C-alpha atoms as a PDB file:
ATOM      1  CA  MET A   1       0.000   0.000   0.000  1.00  0.00           C
ATOM      2  CA  SER A   2       1.407   3.388  -0.939  1.00  0.00           C
ATOM      3  CA  ILE A   3       2.129   5.954   1.740  1.00  0.00           C
ATOM      4  CA  GLU A   4      -0.440   8.279   0.153  1.00  0.00           C
ATOM      5  CA  ARG A   5      -3.112   5.582   0.519  1.00  0.00           C
ATOM      6  CA  GLN A   6      -2.068   4.979   4.124  1.00  0.00           C
ATOM      7  CA  ILE A   7      -2.505   8.693   4.853  1.00  0.00           C
ATOM      8  CA  VAL A   8      -5.993   8.628   3.331  1.00  0.00           C
ATOM      9  CA  MET A   9      -6.874   5.463   5.255  1.00  0.00           C
ATOM     10  CA  CYS A  10      -5.769   7.050   8.539  1.00  0.00           C
ATOM     11  CA  SER A  11      -7.849  10.138   7.789  1.00  0.00           C
ATOM     12  CA  GLU A  12     -10.948   8.055   7.073  1.00  0.00           C
ATOM     13  CA  HIS A  13     -10.570   6.081  10.307  1.00  0.00           C
ATOM     14  CA  TYR A  14      -9.902   9.253  12.302  1.00  0.00           C
ATOM     15  CA  LYS A  15     -13.072  10.911  10.984  1.00  0.00           C
ATOM     16  CA  ARG A  16     -15.107   7.791  11.729  1.00  0.00           C
ATOM     17  CA  TRP A  17     -13.902   7.470  15.328  1.00  0.00           C
ATOM     18  CA  LYS A  18     -14.106  11.213  15.941  1.00  0.00           C
ATOM     19  CA  GLY A  19     -17.747  11.150  14.829  1.00  0.00           C
ATOM     20  CA  ILE A  20     -18.504   8.241  17.147  1.00  0.00           C
ATOM     21  CA  ALA A  21     -16.727   9.984  20.046  1.00  0.00           C
ATOM     22  CA  LEU A  22     -18.699  13.185  19.542  1.00  0.00           C
ATOM     23  CA  THR A  23     -22.057  11.403  19.441  1.00  0.00           C
ATOM     24  CA  SER A  24     -21.435   8.925  22.274  1.00  0.00           C
ATOM     25  CA  GLU A  25     -21.215   9.133  26.027  1.00  0.00           C
ATOM     26  CA  GLY A  26     -19.249   7.538  28.807  1.00  0.00           C
ATOM     27  CA  GLU A  27     -16.933   4.619  28.150  1.00  0.00           C
ATOM     28  CA  LYS A  28     -17.941   4.319  24.494  1.00  0.00           C
ATOM     29  CA  ALA A  29     -16.974   7.960  23.881  1.00  0.00           C
ATOM     30  CA  ARG A  30     -13.663   7.521  25.690  1.00  0.00           C
ATOM     31  CA  LYS A  31     -12.706   4.444  23.656  1.00  0.00           C
ATOM     32  CA  ALA A  32     -13.728   6.130  20.417  1.00  0.00           C
ATOM     33  CA  MET A  33     -11.617   9.163  21.349  1.00  0.00           C
ATOM     34  CA  GLU A  34      -8.599   6.937  22.029  1.00  0.00           C
ATOM     35  CA  ARG A  35      -9.026   5.346  18.618  1.00  0.00           C
ATOM     36  CA  ALA A  36      -9.437   8.726  16.920  1.00  0.00           C
ATOM     37  CA  PHE A  37      -6.228   9.957  18.574  1.00  0.00           C
ATOM     38  CA  PHE A  38      -4.413   6.805  17.456  1.00  0.00           C
ATOM     39  CA  TRP A  39      -5.427   7.352  13.833  1.00  0.00           C
ATOM     40  CA  ILE A  40      -4.577  11.071  13.781  1.00  0.00           C
ATOM     41  CA  GLU A  41      -1.203  10.345  15.389  1.00  0.00           C
ATOM     42  CA  LEU A  42      -0.501   7.647  12.817  1.00  0.00           C
ATOM     43  CA  GLN A  43      -1.602   9.928   9.981  1.00  0.00           C
ATOM     44  CA  THR A  44       0.753  12.646  11.199  1.00  0.00           C
ATOM     45  CA  ALA A  45       3.622  10.150  11.304  1.00  0.00           C
ATOM     46  CA  PHE A  46       2.889   9.014   7.745  1.00  0.00           C
ATOM     47  CA  ILE A  47       2.727  12.635   6.519  1.00  0.00           C
ATOM     48  CA  ALA A  48       6.069  13.424   8.156  1.00  0.00           C
ATOM     49  CA  LEU A  49       7.589  10.263   6.731  1.00  0.00           C
ATOM     50  CA  HIS A  50       6.278  11.115   3.274  1.00  0.00           C
ATOM     51  CA  ALA A  51       7.748  14.632   3.483  1.00  0.00           C
ATOM     52  CA  VAL A  52      11.144  13.248   4.491  1.00  0.00           C
ATOM     53  CA  GLU A  53      10.957  10.641   1.763  1.00  0.00           C
ATOM     54  CA  GLN A  54      10.446  13.390  -0.833  1.00  0.00           C
ATOM     55  CA  LYS A  55      13.538  15.260   0.374  1.00  0.00           C
ATOM     56  CA  VAL A  56      15.936  12.330   0.698  1.00  0.00           C
ATOM     57  CA  SER A  57      18.312  11.621  -2.136  1.00  0.00           C
ATOM     58  CA  HIS A  58      17.650   8.278  -3.757  1.00  0.00           C
ATOM     59  CA  THR A  59      21.374   7.501  -3.551  1.00  0.00           C
ATOM     60  CA  ASP A  60      21.601   8.074   0.230  1.00  0.00           C
ATOM     61  CA  MET A  61      21.493   4.488   1.478  1.00  0.00           C
ATOM     62  CA  GLY A  62      21.724   5.483   5.145  1.00  0.00           C
ATOM     63  CA  ALA A  63      18.635   7.656   4.860  1.00  0.00           C
ATOM     64  CA  LYS A  64      16.793   4.984   2.886  1.00  0.00           C
ATOM     65  CA  ARG A  65      17.570   2.455   5.612  1.00  0.00           C
ATOM     66  CA  LYS A  66      16.206   4.812   8.280  1.00  0.00           C
ATOM     67  CA  LEU A  67      13.038   5.352   6.241  1.00  0.00           C
ATOM     68  CA  ILE A  68      12.525   1.601   5.970  1.00  0.00           C
ATOM     69  CA  ILE A  69      12.961   1.249   9.735  1.00  0.00           C
ATOM     70  CA  ALA A  70      10.462   4.055  10.332  1.00  0.00           C
ATOM     71  CA  LYS A  71       7.925   2.423   7.992  1.00  0.00           C
ATOM     72  CA  THR A  72       8.459  -0.888   9.768  1.00  0.00           C
ATOM     73  CA  ASN A  73       7.802   0.751  13.137  1.00  0.00           C
ATOM     74  CA  LEU A  74       4.560   2.270  11.843  1.00  0.00           C
ATOM     75  CA  SER A  75       3.508  -1.138  10.520  1.00  0.00           C
ATOM     76  CA  LYS A  76       4.195  -2.612  13.957  1.00  0.00           C
ATOM     77  CA  LYS A  77       1.953   0.050  15.534  1.00  0.00           C
ATOM     78  CA  LEU A  78      -0.833  -0.922  13.150  1.00  0.00           C
ATOM     79  CA  ALA A  79      -0.363  -4.611  13.951  1.00  0.00           C
ATOM     80  CA  GLU A  80      -0.471  -3.899  17.698  1.00  0.00           C
ATOM     81  CA  TYR A  81      -3.641  -1.842  17.218  1.00  0.00           C
ATOM     82  CA  ALA A  82      -5.248  -4.682  15.255  1.00  0.00           C
ATOM     83  CA  ASP A  83      -4.260  -7.195  17.934  1.00  0.00           C
ATOM     84  CA  LYS A  84      -5.667  -4.980  20.694  1.00  0.00           C
ATOM     85  CA  THR A  85      -8.905  -4.472  18.775  1.00  0.00           C
ATOM     86  CA  LEU A  86      -9.307  -8.209  18.144  1.00  0.00           C
ATOM     87  CA  ASN A  87      -8.746  -8.929  21.847  1.00  0.00           C
ATOM     88  CA  GLU A  88     -11.439  -6.387  22.760  1.00  0.00           C
ATOM     89  CA  ILE A  89     -13.865  -8.006  20.334  1.00  0.00           C
ATOM     90  CA  GLU A  90     -13.139 -11.477  21.714  1.00  0.00           C
ATOM     91  CA  THR A  91     -13.684 -10.388  25.324  1.00  0.00           C
ATOM     92  CA  ASN A  92     -17.030  -8.705  24.562  1.00  0.00           C
END
């Protein structure tokens, strides 16, 4: 998935969870807010990564390696989020 698509995906999820948070109350609103914050934080990270990627020389192997590590870390965050969400579904 391209980084541009990941940014769009994060934005869509953020808007969804923000809407739920604003129309809910109590624990449901709190959980929706946490999820909205997760998605906006992830979107911001992808935007920053994309900006850096545009500035980095394609011959700079050290910078390319760091970008790959950063992308890997963001993928890990998504995997952890998915795992947490699945555990919540299973316990409910």
